[in-house]
Amino acid sequence: MQLPLVVLAGMALLCVADPLRHPTGSRVAQLSADFGVKVFREVAKVSPDRNVAFSPFGVASVLAMLQMAAAGESRSQIKAAMEYGVHERGIPQALRWLRKELTAPKNQDKVDVADALFVQRDLGLAPGFMKTFARAFRQTVKQVNFTEGERARFIINDWVKDSTHGMISDFLGPGTVDDLTRLVLVNAVYFKGLWKLPFPEAATRQRIFHKSDGSSVVVPMMEQTAKFNYGEFLTPDRVDYDVVELPYHGDTLSMLIAAPYRREVPLAALTRVLDAQLVGKWKTNMTRVPRQLVLPK
């Protein structure tokens, strides 16, 4: 496979919810994935020369919280963008089911999701809001004093650090919040998984990595030869690319790696057509074949 590449964590897309088990949950999963990937495309568009790590589920979860906290035209606009309303019949239960599906134990794979709404302590809240929010998101509204900016920042950063098992320790930088801040919404997704087919440590060696600007660097590359789910596809603009699936140990989560076949093709050729339906198409049109896979460590 040529580089650059797009890496998608299947657990973040949530495109595989079983409609027979929870029809409303399956619909919300699909719409959340669609919305999250749309936001990802916009992020990737304005960051063409940067690596982007992005959780479609995370942004959908944050906007769901914001929709619940909003009213009037603001709520209507968020609802229109997400294509479902958090106050609709069955939606709060579907959101809870979706979170449970995502975070259920998967052998040695671990997924934790945490949402939080930090609100100015003396800000008046609508009657019943805190109870409704806690019921929908299994989280309480956290009241802080943003007039003490550094202390409020410390409280939020400490929550993020705890929610990500210490992986993110300084989420908000100095000066990010101040006495004009009234509301901060945060979503944290923590994932730790073991490859079902581990890369042999002895096979890792220095190789050439081709960067998106046309230059090359030498970096450690891991390698293995095995049978993978693999497919070759075409974009609407007739750009050839291939996709390979790397399963995690629990067999319920996997990583999908997509890359243009020709080195000179920009990554935007893939990111601008990416949506949840396309990922579903990949999953149903791949076959298990032997492949030599070489990836940056």
C-alpha atoms as a PDB file:
ATOM      1  CA  MET A   1       0.000   0.000   0.000  1.00  0.00           C
ATOM      2  CA  GLN A   2       1.162   3.506  -0.748  1.00  0.00           C
ATOM      3  CA  LEU A   3       1.150   6.312   1.782  1.00  0.00           C
ATOM      4  CA  PRO A   4      -0.333   8.693   2.934  1.00  0.00           C
ATOM      5  CA  LEU A   5      -3.240   6.835   4.445  1.00  0.00           C
ATOM      6  CA  VAL A   6      -6.505   7.326   6.280  1.00  0.00           C
ATOM      7  CA  VAL A   7      -6.960   5.339   9.477  1.00  0.00           C
ATOM      8  CA  LEU A   8     -10.435   4.827  10.892  1.00  0.00           C
ATOM      9  CA  ALA A   9     -11.199   3.143  14.183  1.00  0.00           C
ATOM     10  CA  GLY A  10     -14.350   1.109  13.719  1.00  0.00           C
ATOM     11  CA  MET A  11     -15.379   1.678  17.317  1.00  0.00           C
ATOM     12  CA  ALA A  12     -15.550   5.420  16.681  1.00  0.00           C
ATOM     13  CA  LEU A  13     -17.822   5.122  13.662  1.00  0.00           C
ATOM     14  CA  LEU A  14     -20.417   2.815  15.209  1.00  0.00           C
ATOM     15  CA  CYS A  15     -21.741   1.677  11.838  1.00  0.00           C
ATOM     16  CA  VAL A  16     -22.460  -1.898  12.877  1.00  0.00           C
ATOM     17  CA  ALA A  17     -25.342  -1.544  15.332  1.00  0.00           C
ATOM     18  CA  ASP A  18     -27.792  -4.439  14.942  1.00  0.00           C
ATOM     19  CA  PRO A  19     -31.179  -2.988  13.854  1.00  0.00           C
ATOM     20  CA  LEU A  20     -32.986  -6.097  15.085  1.00  0.00           C
ATOM     21  CA  ARG A  21     -31.740  -5.662  18.635  1.00  0.00           C
ATOM     22  CA  HIS A  22     -32.594  -1.971  18.941  1.00  0.00           C
ATOM     23  CA  PRO A  23     -34.155  -0.314  15.855  1.00  0.00           C
ATOM     24  CA  THR A  24     -34.066   3.229  17.285  1.00  0.00           C
ATOM     25  CA  GLY A  25     -30.519   2.725  18.539  1.00  0.00           C
ATOM     26  CA  SER A  26     -29.426   1.522  15.121  1.00  0.00           C
ATOM     27  CA  ARG A  27     -30.948   4.615  13.511  1.00  0.00           C
ATOM     28  CA  VAL A  28     -29.246   6.922  16.021  1.00  0.00           C
ATOM     29  CA  ALA A  29     -25.940   5.085  15.510  1.00  0.00           C
ATOM     30  CA  GLN A  30     -26.149   5.594  11.748  1.00  0.00           C
ATOM     31  CA  LEU A  31     -27.147   9.255  11.999  1.00  0.00           C
ATOM     32  CA  SER A  32     -24.441   9.922  14.617  1.00  0.00           C
ATOM     33  CA  ALA A  33     -21.834   8.315  12.385  1.00  0.00           C
ATOM     34  CA  ASP A  34     -23.063  10.318   9.369  1.00  0.00           C
ATOM     35  CA  PHE A  35     -22.928  13.588  11.304  1.00  0.00           C
ATOM     36  CA  GLY A  36     -19.543  12.840  12.854  1.00  0.00           C
ATOM     37  CA  VAL A  37     -17.949  11.960   9.520  1.00  0.00           C
ATOM     38  CA  LYS A  38     -19.357  15.150   7.954  1.00  0.00           C
ATOM     39  CA  VAL A  39     -17.607  17.148  10.669  1.00  0.00           C
ATOM     40  CA  PHE A  40     -14.439  15.089  10.108  1.00  0.00           C
ATOM     41  CA  ARG A  41     -14.477  16.042   6.412  1.00  0.00           C
ATOM     42  CA  GLU A  42     -14.604  19.725   7.326  1.00  0.00           C
ATOM     43  CA  VAL A  43     -11.769  19.322   9.845  1.00  0.00           C
ATOM     44  CA  ALA A  44      -9.641  17.459   7.299  1.00  0.00           C
ATOM     45  CA  LYS A  45     -10.393  20.100   4.649  1.00  0.00           C
ATOM     46  CA  VAL A  46      -8.885  22.913   6.720  1.00  0.00           C
ATOM     47  CA  SER A  47      -5.973  20.740   7.913  1.00  0.00           C
ATOM     48  CA  PRO A  48      -4.629  19.287   4.651  1.00  0.00           C
ATOM     49  CA  ASP A  49      -1.018  19.076   5.848  1.00  0.00           C
ATOM     50  CA  ARG A  50      -1.606  17.855   9.392  1.00  0.00           C
ATOM     51  CA  ASN A  51      -2.331  14.529  11.017  1.00  0.00           C
ATOM     52  CA  VAL A  52      -5.898  14.458  12.324  1.00  0.00           C
ATOM     53  CA  ALA A  53      -7.168  12.204  15.092  1.00  0.00           C
ATOM     54  CA  PHE A  54     -10.939  12.464  15.276  1.00  0.00           C
ATOM     55  CA  SER A  55     -13.839  10.599  16.865  1.00  0.00           C
ATOM     56  CA  PRO A  56     -17.119  10.841  14.911  1.00  0.00           C
ATOM     57  CA  PHE A  57     -18.946   9.406  17.930  1.00  0.00           C
ATOM     58  CA  GLY A  58     -17.296  11.989  20.179  1.00  0.00           C
ATOM     59  CA  VAL A  59     -18.428  15.011  18.206  1.00  0.00           C
ATOM     60  CA  ALA A  60     -21.947  13.581  17.836  1.00  0.00           C
ATOM     61  CA  SER A  61     -22.060  13.023  21.600  1.00  0.00           C
ATOM     62  CA  VAL A  62     -20.952  16.598  22.337  1.00  0.00           C
ATOM     63  CA  LEU A  63     -23.535  18.055  19.957  1.00  0.00           C
ATOM     64  CA  ALA A  64     -26.228  15.882  21.508  1.00  0.00           C
ATOM     65  CA  MET A  65     -25.328  17.405  24.882  1.00  0.00           C
ATOM     66  CA  LEU A  66     -25.392  20.888  23.369  1.00  0.00           C
ATOM     67  CA  GLN A  67     -28.768  20.204  21.777  1.00  0.00           C
ATOM     68  CA  MET A  68     -30.178  19.235  25.166  1.00  0.00           C
ATOM     69  CA  ALA A  69     -28.734  22.399  26.731  1.00  0.00           C
ATOM     70  CA  ALA A  70     -29.977  24.704  23.950  1.00  0.00           C
ATOM     71  CA  ALA A  71     -33.394  26.102  23.086  1.00  0.00           C
ATOM     72  CA  GLY A  72     -35.215  27.937  20.327  1.00  0.00           C
ATOM     73  CA  GLU A  73     -33.407  28.508  17.022  1.00  0.00           C
ATOM     74  CA  SER A  74     -30.110  27.118  18.328  1.00  0.00           C
ATOM     75  CA  ARG A  75     -31.700  23.800  19.211  1.00  0.00           C
ATOM     76  CA  SER A  76     -33.542  23.687  15.886  1.00  0.00           C
ATOM     77  CA  GLN A  77     -30.312  24.200  13.938  1.00  0.00           C
ATOM     78  CA  ILE A  78     -28.432  21.501  15.868  1.00  0.00           C
ATOM     79  CA  LYS A  79     -31.354  19.102  15.497  1.00  0.00           C
ATOM     80  CA  ALA A  80     -31.481  19.740  11.745  1.00  0.00           C
ATOM     81  CA  ALA A  81     -27.762  19.054  11.404  1.00  0.00           C
ATOM     82  CA  MET A  82     -27.917  15.823  13.432  1.00  0.00           C
ATOM     83  CA  GLU A  83     -31.268  14.729  11.933  1.00  0.00           C
ATOM     84  CA  TYR A  84     -32.666  13.630  15.269  1.00  0.00           C
ATOM     85  CA  GLY A  85     -33.828  15.385  18.425  1.00  0.00           C
ATOM     86  CA  VAL A  86     -32.595  14.354  21.850  1.00  0.00           C
ATOM     87  CA  HIS A  87     -36.066  15.043  23.285  1.00  0.00           C
ATOM     88  CA  GLU A  88     -37.850  12.769  20.806  1.00  0.00           C
ATOM     89  CA  ARG A  89     -39.540   9.632  22.084  1.00  0.00           C
ATOM     90  CA  GLY A  90     -37.042   6.782  22.495  1.00  0.00           C
ATOM     91  CA  ILE A  91     -33.922   8.842  21.711  1.00  0.00           C
ATOM     92  CA  PRO A  92     -32.538   9.128  25.282  1.00  0.00           C
ATOM     93  CA  GLN A  93     -32.873   5.346  25.662  1.00  0.00           C
ATOM     94  CA  ALA A  94     -31.186   4.858  22.278  1.00  0.00           C
ATOM     95  CA  LEU A  95     -28.274   7.071  23.310  1.00  0.00           C
ATOM     96  CA  ARG A  96     -27.797   5.049  26.489  1.00  0.00           C
ATOM     97  CA  TRP A  97     -27.963   1.780  24.521  1.00  0.00           C
ATOM     98  CA  LEU A  98     -25.436   3.098  22.021  1.00  0.00           C
ATOM     99  CA  ARG A  99     -22.998   4.007  24.766  1.00  0.00           C
ATOM    100  CA  LYS A 100     -23.476   0.595  26.398  1.00  0.00           C
ATOM    101  CA  GLU A 101     -22.795  -1.173  23.094  1.00  0.00           C
ATOM    102  CA  LEU A 102     -19.640   0.846  22.590  1.00  0.00           C
ATOM    103  CA  THR A 103     -18.219   0.312  26.048  1.00  0.00           C
ATOM    104  CA  ALA A 104     -19.311  -3.282  26.741  1.00  0.00           C
ATOM    105  CA  PRO A 105     -16.371  -5.548  27.714  1.00  0.00           C
ATOM    106  CA  LYS A 106     -14.683  -7.034  24.650  1.00  0.00           C
ATOM    107  CA  ASN A 107     -12.179  -9.536  25.986  1.00  0.00           C
ATOM    108  CA  GLN A 108      -8.861  -7.672  26.157  1.00  0.00           C
ATOM    109  CA  ASP A 109     -10.115  -4.592  24.291  1.00  0.00           C
ATOM    110  CA  LYS A 110     -11.167  -1.634  26.423  1.00  0.00           C
ATOM    111  CA  VAL A 111     -13.331   1.327  25.410  1.00  0.00           C
ATOM    112  CA  ASP A 112     -14.360   4.065  27.828  1.00  0.00           C
ATOM    113  CA  VAL A 113     -16.499   7.069  26.892  1.00  0.00           C
ATOM    114  CA  ALA A 114     -17.084  10.046  29.170  1.00  0.00           C
ATOM    115  CA  ASP A 115     -19.114  13.201  28.593  1.00  0.00           C
ATOM    116  CA  ALA A 116     -19.226  16.265  30.778  1.00  0.00           C
ATOM    117  CA  LEU A 117     -20.953  19.625  30.802  1.00  0.00           C
ATOM    118  CA  PHE A 118     -19.158  22.256  32.891  1.00  0.00           C
ATOM    119  CA  VAL A 119     -21.403  25.254  33.562  1.00  0.00           C
ATOM    120  CA  GLN A 120     -20.865  28.526  35.400  1.00  0.00           C
ATOM    121  CA  ARG A 121     -21.855  27.919  39.023  1.00  0.00           C
ATOM    122  CA  ASP A 122     -24.253  30.876  39.383  1.00  0.00           C
ATOM    123  CA  LEU A 123     -25.896  30.408  35.972  1.00  0.00           C
ATOM    124  CA  GLY A 124     -29.606  29.701  36.303  1.00  0.00           C
ATOM    125  CA  LEU A 125     -30.633  26.350  34.806  1.00  0.00           C
ATOM    126  CA  ALA A 126     -34.107  25.406  33.607  1.00  0.00           C
ATOM    127  CA  PRO A 127     -36.079  23.363  36.160  1.00  0.00           C
ATOM    128  CA  GLY A 128     -35.483  19.647  35.662  1.00  0.00           C
ATOM    129  CA  PHE A 129     -32.532  20.117  33.288  1.00  0.00           C
ATOM    130  CA  MET A 130     -29.922  18.492  35.515  1.00  0.00           C
ATOM    131  CA  LYS A 131     -32.124  15.428  36.064  1.00  0.00           C
ATOM    132  CA  THR A 132     -32.900  15.111  32.347  1.00  0.00           C
ATOM    133  CA  PHE A 133     -29.245  15.459  31.402  1.00  0.00           C
ATOM    134  CA  ALA A 134     -28.128  12.846  33.932  1.00  0.00           C
ATOM    135  CA  ARG A 135     -30.779  10.405  32.720  1.00  0.00           C
ATOM    136  CA  ALA A 136     -29.771  10.798  29.043  1.00  0.00           C
ATOM    137  CA  PHE A 137     -25.970  10.827  29.415  1.00  0.00           C
ATOM    138  CA  ARG A 138     -25.382   9.048  32.725  1.00  0.00           C
ATOM    139  CA  GLN A 139     -23.364  12.099  33.774  1.00  0.00           C
ATOM    140  CA  THR A 140     -24.067  14.982  36.116  1.00  0.00           C
ATOM    141  CA  VAL A 141     -23.785  18.639  35.198  1.00  0.00           C
ATOM    142  CA  LYS A 142     -20.583  19.943  36.783  1.00  0.00           C
ATOM    143  CA  GLN A 143     -20.798  23.478  38.172  1.00  0.00           C
ATOM    144  CA  VAL A 144     -17.549  25.457  38.296  1.00  0.00           C
ATOM    145  CA  ASN A 145     -16.567  29.084  38.808  1.00  0.00           C
ATOM    146  CA  PHE A 146     -15.062  30.384  35.555  1.00  0.00           C
ATOM    147  CA  THR A 147     -14.215  33.713  37.211  1.00  0.00           C
ATOM    148  CA  GLU A 148     -11.361  31.693  38.725  1.00  0.00           C
ATOM    149  CA  GLY A 149     -10.072  30.726  35.287  1.00  0.00           C
ATOM    150  CA  GLU A 150      -7.001  28.727  36.240  1.00  0.00           C
ATOM    151  CA  ARG A 151      -8.832  26.739  38.896  1.00  0.00           C
ATOM    152  CA  ALA A 152     -11.674  25.982  36.453  1.00  0.00           C
ATOM    153  CA  ARG A 153      -9.097  24.894  33.870  1.00  0.00           C
ATOM    154  CA  PHE A 154      -7.461  22.610  36.424  1.00  0.00           C
ATOM    155  CA  ILE A 155     -10.825  21.005  37.284  1.00  0.00           C
ATOM    156  CA  ILE A 156     -11.606  20.299  33.620  1.00  0.00           C
ATOM    157  CA  ASN A 157      -8.096  19.025  32.871  1.00  0.00           C
ATOM    158  CA  ASP A 158      -8.207  16.757  35.923  1.00  0.00           C
ATOM    159  CA  TRP A 159     -11.515  15.284  34.728  1.00  0.00           C
ATOM    160  CA  VAL A 160     -10.074  14.671  31.234  1.00  0.00           C
ATOM    161  CA  LYS A 161      -6.932  13.071  32.694  1.00  0.00           C
ATOM    162  CA  ASP A 162      -8.989  10.764  34.879  1.00  0.00           C
ATOM    163  CA  SER A 163     -11.374   9.876  32.013  1.00  0.00           C
ATOM    164  CA  THR A 164      -8.509   8.999  29.659  1.00  0.00           C
ATOM    165  CA  HIS A 165      -6.585   6.937  32.224  1.00  0.00           C
ATOM    166  CA  GLY A 166      -3.848   9.564  32.372  1.00  0.00           C
ATOM    167  CA  MET A 167      -3.263   9.678  28.597  1.00  0.00           C
ATOM    168  CA  ILE A 168      -4.295  13.354  28.241  1.00  0.00           C
ATOM    169  CA  SER A 169      -2.968  15.435  31.109  1.00  0.00           C
ATOM    170  CA  ASP A 170      -3.163  19.041  29.881  1.00  0.00           C
ATOM    171  CA  PHE A 171      -6.216  19.233  27.644  1.00  0.00           C
ATOM    172  CA  LEU A 172      -6.888  22.967  28.050  1.00  0.00           C
ATOM    173  CA  GLY A 173      -3.908  25.283  27.849  1.00  0.00           C
ATOM    174  CA  PRO A 174      -3.392  28.437  29.955  1.00  0.00           C
ATOM    175  CA  GLY A 175      -5.899  31.172  29.163  1.00  0.00           C
ATOM    176  CA  THR A 176      -8.339  28.838  27.399  1.00  0.00           C
ATOM    177  CA  VAL A 177     -11.127  29.685  29.825  1.00  0.00           C
ATOM    178  CA  ASP A 178     -11.679  33.023  31.556  1.00  0.00           C
ATOM    179  CA  ASP A 179     -14.351  35.023  33.363  1.00  0.00           C
ATOM    180  CA  LEU A 180     -16.405  35.303  30.149  1.00  0.00           C
ATOM    181  CA  THR A 181     -16.733  31.512  29.829  1.00  0.00           C
ATOM    182  CA  ARG A 182     -20.116  30.129  30.777  1.00  0.00           C
ATOM    183  CA  LEU A 183     -20.197  26.610  29.370  1.00  0.00           C
ATOM    184  CA  VAL A 184     -17.659  23.940  28.357  1.00  0.00           C
ATOM    185  CA  LEU A 185     -18.707  20.614  26.829  1.00  0.00           C
ATOM    186  CA  VAL A 186     -16.159  17.800  26.785  1.00  0.00           C
ATOM    187  CA  ASN A 187     -16.163  14.276  25.379  1.00  0.00           C
ATOM    188  CA  ALA A 188     -13.359  11.794  26.037  1.00  0.00           C
ATOM    189  CA  VAL A 189     -12.947   8.465  24.233  1.00  0.00           C
ATOM    190  CA  TYR A 190     -10.344   6.037  25.579  1.00  0.00           C
ATOM    191  CA  PHE A 191      -9.437   2.930  23.620  1.00  0.00           C
ATOM    192  CA  LYS A 192      -6.868   0.249  24.329  1.00  0.00           C
ATOM    193  CA  GLY A 193      -6.763  -2.880  22.201  1.00  0.00           C
ATOM    194  CA  LEU A 194      -4.456  -5.702  21.223  1.00  0.00           C
ATOM    195  CA  TRP A 195      -4.053  -6.717  17.586  1.00  0.00           C
ATOM    196  CA  LYS A 196      -5.567 -10.096  16.795  1.00  0.00           C
ATOM    197  CA  LEU A 197      -2.549 -10.551  14.508  1.00  0.00           C
ATOM    198  CA  PRO A 198       0.364  -8.863  16.327  1.00  0.00           C
ATOM    199  CA  PHE A 199       3.219  -7.382  14.304  1.00  0.00           C
ATOM    200  CA  PRO A 200       6.453  -9.293  15.043  1.00  0.00           C
ATOM    201  CA  GLU A 201       8.847  -6.989  16.855  1.00  0.00           C
ATOM    202  CA  ALA A 202      11.802  -8.430  14.966  1.00  0.00           C
ATOM    203  CA  ALA A 203      10.217  -7.404  11.649  1.00  0.00           C
ATOM    204  CA  THR A 204      10.246  -3.681  12.509  1.00  0.00           C
ATOM    205  CA  ARG A 205      12.995  -1.827  10.639  1.00  0.00           C
ATOM    206  CA  GLN A 206      13.801   1.522   9.031  1.00  0.00           C
ATOM    207  CA  ARG A 207      11.979   2.157   5.746  1.00  0.00           C
ATOM    208  CA  ILE A 208      11.100   5.074   3.495  1.00  0.00           C
ATOM    209  CA  PHE A 209       7.843   6.871   4.297  1.00  0.00           C
ATOM    210  CA  HIS A 210       6.405   9.075   1.550  1.00  0.00           C
ATOM    211  CA  LYS A 211       4.929  12.304   2.906  1.00  0.00           C
ATOM    212  CA  SER A 212       1.965  14.138   1.412  1.00  0.00           C
ATOM    213  CA  ASP A 213       4.170  17.025   0.209  1.00  0.00           C
ATOM    214  CA  GLY A 214       6.143  14.648  -2.022  1.00  0.00           C
ATOM    215  CA  SER A 215       9.190  14.384   0.222  1.00  0.00           C
ATOM    216  CA  SER A 216      10.347  11.211   1.944  1.00  0.00           C
ATOM    217  CA  VAL A 217      11.688  10.378   5.392  1.00  0.00           C
ATOM    218  CA  VAL A 218      13.087   7.222   6.955  1.00  0.00           C
ATOM    219  CA  VAL A 219      11.015   5.941   9.904  1.00  0.00           C
ATOM    220  CA  PRO A 220      10.544   2.659  11.809  1.00  0.00           C
ATOM    221  CA  MET A 221       8.039   0.508   9.910  1.00  0.00           C
ATOM    222  CA  MET A 222       6.367  -2.627  11.243  1.00  0.00           C
ATOM    223  CA  GLU A 223       5.635  -5.499   8.891  1.00  0.00           C
ATOM    224  CA  GLN A 224       3.740  -8.760   8.697  1.00  0.00           C
ATOM    225  CA  THR A 225       2.389 -11.139   6.080  1.00  0.00           C
ATOM    226  CA  ALA A 226      -0.990 -12.704   6.840  1.00  0.00           C
ATOM    227  CA  LYS A 227      -4.547 -13.027   5.585  1.00  0.00           C
ATOM    228  CA  PHE A 228      -6.531  -9.793   5.932  1.00  0.00           C
ATOM    229  CA  ASN A 229      -9.926  -8.538   4.791  1.00  0.00           C
ATOM    230  CA  TYR A 230      -8.978  -6.456   1.758  1.00  0.00           C
ATOM    231  CA  GLY A 231     -10.735  -4.555  -1.024  1.00  0.00           C
ATOM    232  CA  GLU A 232      -9.984  -2.324  -4.005  1.00  0.00           C
ATOM    233  CA  PHE A 233     -12.311   0.607  -4.677  1.00  0.00           C
ATOM    234  CA  LEU A 234     -12.875   3.642  -6.911  1.00  0.00           C
ATOM    235  CA  THR A 235     -13.974   7.139  -5.866  1.00  0.00           C
ATOM    236  CA  PRO A 236     -16.627   8.909  -7.992  1.00  0.00           C
ATOM    237  CA  ASP A 237     -13.696  10.735  -9.632  1.00  0.00           C
ATOM    238  CA  ARG A 238     -12.167   7.376 -10.641  1.00  0.00           C
ATOM    239  CA  VAL A 239      -9.370   7.446  -8.077  1.00  0.00           C
ATOM    240  CA  ASP A 240      -8.127   3.946  -7.225  1.00  0.00           C
ATOM    241  CA  TYR A 241      -7.590   3.136  -3.571  1.00  0.00           C
ATOM    242  CA  ASP A 242      -7.455   0.069  -1.376  1.00  0.00           C
ATOM    243  CA  VAL A 243      -8.689  -0.748   2.113  1.00  0.00           C
ATOM    244  CA  VAL A 244      -7.416  -3.320   4.591  1.00  0.00           C
ATOM    245  CA  GLU A 245      -8.971  -4.308   7.909  1.00  0.00           C
ATOM    246  CA  LEU A 246      -6.920  -5.052  11.023  1.00  0.00           C
ATOM    247  CA  PRO A 247      -9.028  -6.789  13.691  1.00  0.00           C
ATOM    248  CA  TYR A 248      -8.445  -6.333  17.391  1.00  0.00           C
ATOM    249  CA  HIS A 249      -8.231  -9.222  19.820  1.00  0.00           C
ATOM    250  CA  GLY A 250     -11.888  -9.211  20.863  1.00  0.00           C
ATOM    251  CA  ASP A 251     -13.154  -9.678  17.270  1.00  0.00           C
ATOM    252  CA  THR A 252     -15.781  -6.944  17.701  1.00  0.00           C
ATOM    253  CA  LEU A 253     -13.527  -3.959  16.925  1.00  0.00           C
ATOM    254  CA  SER A 254     -11.224  -3.339  13.997  1.00  0.00           C
ATOM    255  CA  MET A 255      -9.134  -0.666  12.324  1.00  0.00           C
ATOM    256  CA  LEU A 256      -9.757   0.153   8.665  1.00  0.00           C
ATOM    257  CA  ILE A 257      -6.837   1.586   6.695  1.00  0.00           C
ATOM    258  CA  ALA A 258      -7.498   3.276   3.350  1.00  0.00           C
ATOM    259  CA  ALA A 259      -4.819   4.600   1.006  1.00  0.00           C
ATOM    260  CA  PRO A 260      -4.714   5.940  -2.580  1.00  0.00           C
ATOM    261  CA  TYR A 261      -3.066   3.427  -4.907  1.00  0.00           C
ATOM    262  CA  ARG A 262      -0.905   6.089  -6.555  1.00  0.00           C
ATOM    263  CA  ARG A 263       1.547   7.979  -4.377  1.00  0.00           C
ATOM    264  CA  GLU A 264       0.911  11.381  -5.968  1.00  0.00           C
ATOM    265  CA  VAL A 265      -2.833  11.304  -5.246  1.00  0.00           C
ATOM    266  CA  PRO A 266      -3.662  13.625  -2.289  1.00  0.00           C
ATOM    267  CA  LEU A 267      -5.367  12.211   0.767  1.00  0.00           C
ATOM    268  CA  ALA A 268      -8.213  14.688   0.177  1.00  0.00           C
ATOM    269  CA  ALA A 269      -9.334  12.477  -2.703  1.00  0.00           C
ATOM    270  CA  LEU A 270     -10.533  10.028  -0.053  1.00  0.00           C
ATOM    271  CA  THR A 271     -11.494  12.262   2.861  1.00  0.00           C
ATOM    272  CA  ARG A 272     -13.860  14.379   0.768  1.00  0.00           C
ATOM    273  CA  VAL A 273     -15.978  11.359  -0.216  1.00  0.00           C
ATOM    274  CA  LEU A 274     -15.889   9.606   3.151  1.00  0.00           C
ATOM    275  CA  ASP A 275     -19.188   8.877   4.874  1.00  0.00           C
ATOM    276  CA  ALA A 276     -20.675   6.156   7.037  1.00  0.00           C
ATOM    277  CA  GLN A 277     -22.345   4.454   4.063  1.00  0.00           C
ATOM    278  CA  LEU A 278     -18.993   4.201   2.283  1.00  0.00           C
ATOM    279  CA  VAL A 279     -17.431   2.527   5.309  1.00  0.00           C
ATOM    280  CA  GLY A 280     -20.323   0.063   5.283  1.00  0.00           C
ATOM    281  CA  LYS A 281     -19.638  -0.582   1.596  1.00  0.00           C
ATOM    282  CA  TRP A 282     -16.012  -1.348   2.401  1.00  0.00           C
ATOM    283  CA  LYS A 283     -17.024  -3.834   5.072  1.00  0.00           C
ATOM    284  CA  THR A 284     -19.353  -5.775   2.796  1.00  0.00           C
ATOM    285  CA  ASN A 285     -17.062  -5.813  -0.249  1.00  0.00           C
ATOM    286  CA  MET A 286     -13.779  -7.023   1.205  1.00  0.00           C
ATOM    287  CA  THR A 287     -12.420 -10.539   0.859  1.00  0.00           C
ATOM    288  CA  ARG A 288      -9.893 -12.394   2.993  1.00  0.00           C
ATOM    289  CA  VAL A 289      -6.632 -12.619   1.062  1.00  0.00           C
ATOM    290  CA  PRO A 290      -2.897 -12.921   1.846  1.00  0.00           C
ATOM    291  CA  ARG A 291      -1.177  -9.531   2.033  1.00  0.00           C
ATOM    292  CA  GLN A 292       2.183  -8.134   3.088  1.00  0.00           C
ATOM    293  CA  LEU A 293       1.327  -5.151   5.271  1.00  0.00           C
ATOM    294  CA  VAL A 294       3.930  -2.485   6.106  1.00  0.00           C
ATOM    295  CA  LEU A 295       2.893   0.413   8.347  1.00  0.00           C
ATOM    296  CA  PRO A 296       4.638   3.226  10.272  1.00  0.00           C
ATOM    297  CA  LYS A 297       5.187   2.136  13.845  1.00  0.00           C
END
